[in-house]
Amino acid sequence: MAELIAGGRAFARFEGGDVVYKAEIGALSAKVGQIQGVWVHPDRRGHGLGASGTAAVADRLVRGLGRTASLRERLQHRGSGGVQTNRVRRGGRYATVLF
């Protein structure tokens, strides 16, 4: 985590001293960066923080780092709408292998 923070690849939104959104840019190649660890505080789910926060991380990848943004979405919470917005589209399916 310290490496992600030092590299400007860890993101969080705070409200009243509490973390309400967090995500990281994990795997990073010359062409693609993977958004991982997206989390929204349970009390703030359904208020658009996931979509807007993830869009900001994707913008950092695309505009700031010149990479394609890749997001592995795993819906864990009933009622979670994921990040389906007009700015995010499904590009395909893949598997991640961790070494």
N, C-alpha and C. Protein backbone atom coordinates (compact mmCIF):
# COMPACT_ATOMS: atom_id res chain seq x y z
N MET A 1 0.82 -1.17 0.00
CA MET A 1 0.00 0.00 0.00
C MET A 1 0.88 1.26 0.00
N ALA A 2 1.96 1.23 0.73
CA ALA A 2 2.85 2.40 0.77
C ALA A 2 3.37 2.74 -0.63
N GLU A 3 3.65 1.70 -1.42
CA GLU A 3 4.14 1.92 -2.79
C GLU A 3 3.06 2.57 -3.65
N LEU A 4 1.80 2.14 -3.48
CA LEU A 4 0.70 2.73 -4.24
C LEU A 4 0.50 4.20 -3.86
N ILE A 5 0.57 4.49 -2.58
CA ILE A 5 0.41 5.87 -2.11
C ILE A 5 1.55 6.73 -2.63
N ALA A 6 2.78 6.25 -2.48
CA ALA A 6 3.95 7.02 -2.95
C ALA A 6 3.91 7.25 -4.45
N GLY A 7 3.33 6.30 -5.20
CA GLY A 7 3.25 6.42 -6.65
C GLY A 7 2.03 7.16 -7.14
N GLY A 8 1.23 7.72 -6.22
CA GLY A 8 0.02 8.45 -6.61
C GLY A 8 -1.05 7.55 -7.19
N ARG A 9 -1.08 6.28 -6.73
CA ARG A 9 -2.02 5.31 -7.27
C ARG A 9 -3.05 4.84 -6.24
N ALA A 10 -3.17 5.54 -5.13
CA ALA A 10 -4.18 5.24 -4.12
C ALA A 10 -5.07 6.47 -3.97
N PHE A 11 -6.37 6.26 -3.94
CA PHE A 11 -7.34 7.35 -3.93
C PHE A 11 -8.35 7.13 -2.82
N ALA A 12 -8.75 8.21 -2.17
CA ALA A 12 -9.76 8.12 -1.12
C ALA A 12 -10.53 9.43 -1.06
N ARG A 13 -11.79 9.31 -0.64
CA ARG A 13 -12.61 10.49 -0.37
C ARG A 13 -12.99 10.41 1.10
N PHE A 14 -12.82 11.53 1.78
CA PHE A 14 -13.12 11.62 3.20
C PHE A 14 -14.28 12.58 3.41
N GLU A 15 -15.16 12.24 4.33
CA GLU A 15 -16.22 13.14 4.76
C GLU A 15 -16.26 13.11 6.28
N GLY A 16 -16.07 14.27 6.88
CA GLY A 16 -16.07 14.33 8.34
C GLY A 16 -15.03 13.45 8.99
N GLY A 17 -13.90 13.26 8.34
CA GLY A 17 -12.84 12.43 8.89
C GLY A 17 -12.98 10.95 8.60
N ASP A 18 -14.07 10.54 7.98
CA ASP A 18 -14.29 9.13 7.65
C ASP A 18 -14.04 8.87 6.17
N VAL A 19 -13.47 7.71 5.86
CA VAL A 19 -13.31 7.30 4.47
C VAL A 19 -14.67 6.85 3.96
N VAL A 20 -15.13 7.45 2.85
CA VAL A 20 -16.41 7.06 2.26
C VAL A 20 -16.23 6.39 0.90
N TYR A 21 -15.04 6.53 0.30
CA TYR A 21 -14.72 5.89 -0.97
C TYR A 21 -13.22 5.66 -1.02
N LYS A 22 -12.82 4.52 -1.59
CA LYS A 22 -11.39 4.30 -1.82
C LYS A 22 -11.23 3.36 -3.00
N ALA A 23 -10.10 3.50 -3.70
CA ALA A 23 -9.72 2.63 -4.81
C ALA A 23 -8.24 2.80 -5.07
N GLU A 24 -7.67 1.85 -5.79
CA GLU A 24 -6.26 1.93 -6.15
C GLU A 24 -6.10 1.58 -7.63
N ILE A 25 -4.99 2.06 -8.19
CA ILE A 25 -4.53 1.58 -9.48
C ILE A 25 -3.50 0.51 -9.15
N GLY A 26 -3.85 -0.74 -9.41
CA GLY A 26 -2.98 -1.86 -9.05
C GLY A 26 -1.98 -2.14 -10.15
N ALA A 27 -2.24 -3.18 -10.90
CA ALA A 27 -1.35 -3.56 -12.00
C ALA A 27 -1.29 -2.41 -13.01
N LEU A 28 -0.08 -2.08 -13.44
CA LEU A 28 0.13 -0.97 -14.35
C LEU A 28 1.16 -1.38 -15.38
N SER A 29 0.74 -1.41 -16.66
CA SER A 29 1.67 -1.71 -17.74
C SER A 29 1.88 -0.44 -18.57
N ALA A 30 2.59 -0.57 -19.65
CA ALA A 30 2.83 0.58 -20.52
C ALA A 30 1.55 1.06 -21.20
N LYS A 31 0.53 0.20 -21.27
CA LYS A 31 -0.69 0.56 -21.98
C LYS A 31 -1.95 0.56 -21.13
N VAL A 32 -1.97 -0.21 -20.05
CA VAL A 32 -3.20 -0.41 -19.29
C VAL A 32 -2.92 -0.30 -17.79
N GLY A 33 -3.89 0.26 -17.06
CA GLY A 33 -3.85 0.26 -15.60
C GLY A 33 -5.13 -0.34 -15.07
N GLN A 34 -5.02 -1.21 -14.07
CA GLN A 34 -6.19 -1.88 -13.51
C GLN A 34 -6.65 -1.18 -12.24
N ILE A 35 -7.90 -0.76 -12.25
CA ILE A 35 -8.51 -0.18 -11.06
C ILE A 35 -8.96 -1.32 -10.18
N GLN A 36 -8.58 -1.27 -8.91
CA GLN A 36 -8.88 -2.35 -7.98
C GLN A 36 -9.28 -1.78 -6.63
N GLY A 37 -9.81 -2.64 -5.80
CA GLY A 37 -10.10 -2.28 -4.41
C GLY A 37 -11.13 -1.19 -4.25
N VAL A 38 -12.07 -1.09 -5.19
CA VAL A 38 -13.11 -0.07 -5.08
C VAL A 38 -14.02 -0.41 -3.89
N TRP A 39 -14.21 0.56 -3.02
CA TRP A 39 -15.03 0.37 -1.83
C TRP A 39 -15.77 1.66 -1.51
N VAL A 40 -17.03 1.53 -1.14
CA VAL A 40 -17.84 2.65 -0.69
C VAL A 40 -18.40 2.29 0.68
N HIS A 41 -18.32 3.23 1.60
CA HIS A 41 -18.85 3.02 2.95
C HIS A 41 -20.31 2.57 2.85
N PRO A 42 -20.70 1.55 3.62
CA PRO A 42 -22.07 1.03 3.54
C PRO A 42 -23.16 2.09 3.69
N ASP A 43 -22.93 3.09 4.53
CA ASP A 43 -23.94 4.14 4.74
C ASP A 43 -24.06 5.09 3.55
N ARG A 44 -23.07 5.06 2.65
CA ARG A 44 -23.05 6.00 1.51
C ARG A 44 -23.31 5.32 0.18
N ARG A 45 -23.56 4.01 0.20
CA ARG A 45 -23.84 3.29 -1.05
C ARG A 45 -25.17 3.75 -1.62
N GLY A 46 -25.23 3.79 -2.95
CA GLY A 46 -26.44 4.22 -3.62
C GLY A 46 -26.53 5.73 -3.82
N HIS A 47 -25.45 6.44 -3.48
CA HIS A 47 -25.43 7.90 -3.61
C HIS A 47 -24.50 8.38 -4.73
N GLY A 48 -24.00 7.46 -5.55
CA GLY A 48 -23.17 7.83 -6.69
C GLY A 48 -21.69 7.97 -6.41
N LEU A 49 -21.25 7.69 -5.18
CA LEU A 49 -19.83 7.84 -4.87
C LEU A 49 -18.97 6.84 -5.63
N GLY A 50 -19.47 5.62 -5.79
CA GLY A 50 -18.71 4.60 -6.52
C GLY A 50 -18.48 5.00 -7.96
N ALA A 51 -19.55 5.45 -8.61
CA ALA A 51 -19.44 5.83 -10.03
C ALA A 51 -18.56 7.06 -10.21
N SER A 52 -18.78 8.09 -9.40
CA SER A 52 -18.00 9.32 -9.57
C SER A 52 -16.54 9.13 -9.16
N GLY A 53 -16.32 8.38 -8.09
CA GLY A 53 -14.94 8.14 -7.65
C GLY A 53 -14.17 7.30 -8.64
N THR A 54 -14.80 6.26 -9.15
CA THR A 54 -14.14 5.39 -10.11
C THR A 54 -13.90 6.12 -11.43
N ALA A 55 -14.82 7.00 -11.81
CA ALA A 55 -14.61 7.82 -13.01
C ALA A 55 -13.39 8.72 -12.83
N ALA A 56 -13.19 9.25 -11.63
CA ALA A 56 -12.03 10.10 -11.36
C ALA A 56 -10.72 9.30 -11.44
N VAL A 57 -10.74 8.07 -10.92
CA VAL A 57 -9.55 7.22 -11.01
C VAL A 57 -9.27 6.87 -12.47
N ALA A 58 -10.32 6.54 -13.22
CA ALA A 58 -10.15 6.23 -14.65
C ALA A 58 -9.61 7.45 -15.40
N ASP A 59 -10.09 8.63 -15.05
CA ASP A 59 -9.59 9.85 -15.68
C ASP A 59 -8.09 10.03 -15.40
N ARG A 60 -7.67 9.72 -14.20
CA ARG A 60 -6.23 9.80 -13.85
C ARG A 60 -5.42 8.84 -14.73
N LEU A 61 -5.96 7.63 -14.94
CA LEU A 61 -5.27 6.67 -15.80
C LEU A 61 -5.20 7.14 -17.24
N VAL A 62 -6.33 7.58 -17.78
CA VAL A 62 -6.41 7.92 -19.20
C VAL A 62 -5.72 9.25 -19.49
N ARG A 63 -6.11 10.29 -18.79
CA ARG A 63 -5.54 11.62 -19.08
C ARG A 63 -4.21 11.87 -18.40
N GLY A 64 -4.09 11.43 -17.17
CA GLY A 64 -2.88 11.69 -16.41
C GLY A 64 -1.72 10.77 -16.74
N LEU A 65 -2.03 9.50 -17.00
CA LEU A 65 -0.97 8.52 -17.22
C LEU A 65 -0.95 7.97 -18.65
N GLY A 66 -1.93 8.34 -19.48
CA GLY A 66 -1.94 7.89 -20.87
C GLY A 66 -2.18 6.41 -21.04
N ARG A 67 -2.92 5.80 -20.11
CA ARG A 67 -3.20 4.36 -20.16
C ARG A 67 -4.68 4.11 -20.40
N THR A 68 -5.01 2.93 -20.87
CA THR A 68 -6.39 2.47 -20.91
C THR A 68 -6.76 2.04 -19.50
N ALA A 69 -7.93 2.43 -19.04
CA ALA A 69 -8.38 2.04 -17.70
C ALA A 69 -9.11 0.71 -17.78
N SER A 70 -8.72 -0.21 -16.92
CA SER A 70 -9.35 -1.52 -16.83
C SER A 70 -9.92 -1.66 -15.43
N LEU A 71 -11.17 -2.11 -15.36
CA LEU A 71 -11.83 -2.28 -14.06
C LEU A 71 -12.41 -3.67 -13.99
N ARG A 72 -12.01 -4.40 -12.99
CA ARG A 72 -12.61 -5.70 -12.73
C ARG A 72 -13.71 -5.46 -11.72
N GLU A 73 -14.92 -5.65 -12.15
CA GLU A 73 -16.06 -5.36 -11.28
C GLU A 73 -16.61 -6.64 -10.70
N ARG A 74 -16.68 -6.69 -9.40
CA ARG A 74 -17.26 -7.82 -8.69
C ARG A 74 -18.30 -7.27 -7.74
N LEU A 75 -19.55 -7.49 -8.07
CA LEU A 75 -20.62 -6.96 -7.23
C LEU A 75 -20.78 -7.86 -6.01
N GLN A 76 -20.52 -7.30 -4.85
CA GLN A 76 -20.58 -8.07 -3.62
C GLN A 76 -21.82 -7.78 -2.80
N HIS A 77 -22.44 -6.67 -3.03
CA HIS A 77 -23.51 -6.22 -2.16
C HIS A 77 -24.83 -6.20 -2.91
N ARG A 78 -25.81 -6.83 -2.33
CA ARG A 78 -27.13 -6.85 -2.94
C ARG A 78 -27.59 -5.42 -3.17
N GLY A 79 -28.11 -5.16 -4.36
CA GLY A 79 -28.57 -3.82 -4.67
C GLY A 79 -27.50 -2.92 -5.24
N SER A 80 -26.28 -3.43 -5.33
CA SER A 80 -25.19 -2.62 -5.89
C SER A 80 -25.37 -2.51 -7.39
N GLY A 81 -25.33 -1.30 -7.88
CA GLY A 81 -25.48 -1.08 -9.32
C GLY A 81 -24.16 -1.05 -10.05
N GLY A 82 -23.07 -1.22 -9.35
CA GLY A 82 -21.78 -1.16 -10.00
C GLY A 82 -21.49 0.25 -10.50
N VAL A 83 -20.70 0.34 -11.54
CA VAL A 83 -20.32 1.65 -12.06
C VAL A 83 -20.83 1.86 -13.47
N GLN A 84 -21.95 1.24 -13.81
CA GLN A 84 -22.52 1.40 -15.15
C GLN A 84 -23.04 2.82 -15.31
N THR A 85 -22.32 3.60 -16.07
CA THR A 85 -22.71 4.97 -16.38
C THR A 85 -22.46 5.19 -17.85
N ASN A 86 -22.77 6.38 -18.32
CA ASN A 86 -22.50 6.66 -19.73
C ASN A 86 -21.01 6.85 -20.00
N ARG A 87 -20.18 6.88 -18.96
CA ARG A 87 -18.75 7.05 -19.16
C ARG A 87 -17.99 5.73 -19.08
N VAL A 88 -18.66 4.65 -18.69
CA VAL A 88 -18.01 3.35 -18.54
C VAL A 88 -18.75 2.35 -19.41
N ARG A 89 -18.00 1.60 -20.20
CA ARG A 89 -18.62 0.56 -21.00
C ARG A 89 -17.86 -0.74 -20.82
N ARG A 90 -18.59 -1.84 -20.95
CA ARG A 90 -17.96 -3.15 -20.84
C ARG A 90 -17.18 -3.40 -22.12
N GLY A 91 -15.90 -3.70 -21.98
CA GLY A 91 -15.06 -3.91 -23.14
C GLY A 91 -14.75 -5.37 -23.40
N GLY A 92 -15.02 -6.22 -22.46
CA GLY A 92 -14.74 -7.64 -22.64
C GLY A 92 -14.63 -8.33 -21.30
N ARG A 93 -14.25 -9.57 -21.37
CA ARG A 93 -14.06 -10.37 -20.16
C ARG A 93 -12.63 -10.89 -20.13
N TYR A 94 -12.07 -11.00 -18.95
CA TYR A 94 -10.72 -11.50 -18.81
C TYR A 94 -10.53 -12.05 -17.42
N ALA A 95 -9.42 -12.67 -17.20
CA ALA A 95 -9.06 -13.20 -15.89
C ALA A 95 -7.78 -12.52 -15.44
N THR A 96 -7.66 -12.33 -14.14
CA THR A 96 -6.44 -11.78 -13.57
C THR A 96 -5.68 -12.90 -12.85
N VAL A 97 -4.41 -13.00 -13.11
CA VAL A 97 -3.57 -14.00 -12.47
C VAL A 97 -2.56 -13.27 -11.60
N LEU A 98 -2.55 -13.58 -10.32
CA LEU A 98 -1.60 -12.95 -9.40
C LEU A 98 -0.44 -13.91 -9.14
N PHE A 99 0.77 -13.39 -9.18
CA PHE A 99 1.95 -14.21 -8.93
C PHE A 99 2.47 -13.97 -7.54
